[in-house]
């Protein structure tokens, strides 16, 4: 059956099949099938389309309300570590060394990487020279959220100092082709370390330093899964972050 709600919303907003297709990066024939045949797009595509149209996604596609079958373990979960301290630093750096397209790092400080692997900047520079896009987002030491985290972890001004130290470590990379460093002041729920379709997610637990919190290793399995949820979170933080300039 045709999706009359979708047809009406598109008509009211002046949307053509081609315009909406371009917005959500699908073929116009797909949009036509959504309208005329009542097809339901993938959840992530449906969410993009609903945002563009300014409409509730479930109002447009009620079928998306149906719960997915429960799974004991996500197929994207490669490994689960009880705490970050259990993981050798080489696990992080080996992941980055394998990257061919993208390396994303979202942390407040994570100075343990440079301390355990002093060649980290060289590694990132080498990957960028081979065509990787490298994005590094570290905490703004003066932001309210970083300072609040110090209080939450009972570490006081220590985390602010670590953020300033992280900036000292990463600043030499500014201006390097393919590498960008930014500072952010967001509430950090997880530290993220991404290399192409693999990602280490260090959960943050109130009152616990990140080294004692769990880490899960994800590998992208399908569009719209756990991996993409964290990848989209990185992009959202990155959009708010401030570029670090070269020292003059």
Foldseek 3Di string as FASTA:
>chain_A
DFQVVVVVLCVVVVHQLVNLCVQLVHDSVVSVCCGGVVDDDPPVSLVSSCVVSVHDSCSRPVVVVDDDDDDPDDPFFPDKDQFLLVDQLVVLLVLQLPFQAEKEWAEQAPCVNCVRPVCSLVSVLVSVVNHYQYEYEHAQLPAPQQQVLCVQQVNHSVSSVRNVVSCVSCLVCPPRHRYWYWYFRDNDQWIWIDGVQKIKTQGDDGNHDSRSTMITITGDDDPPDPSVVVVVVSVVRVVRTGTDHHDD
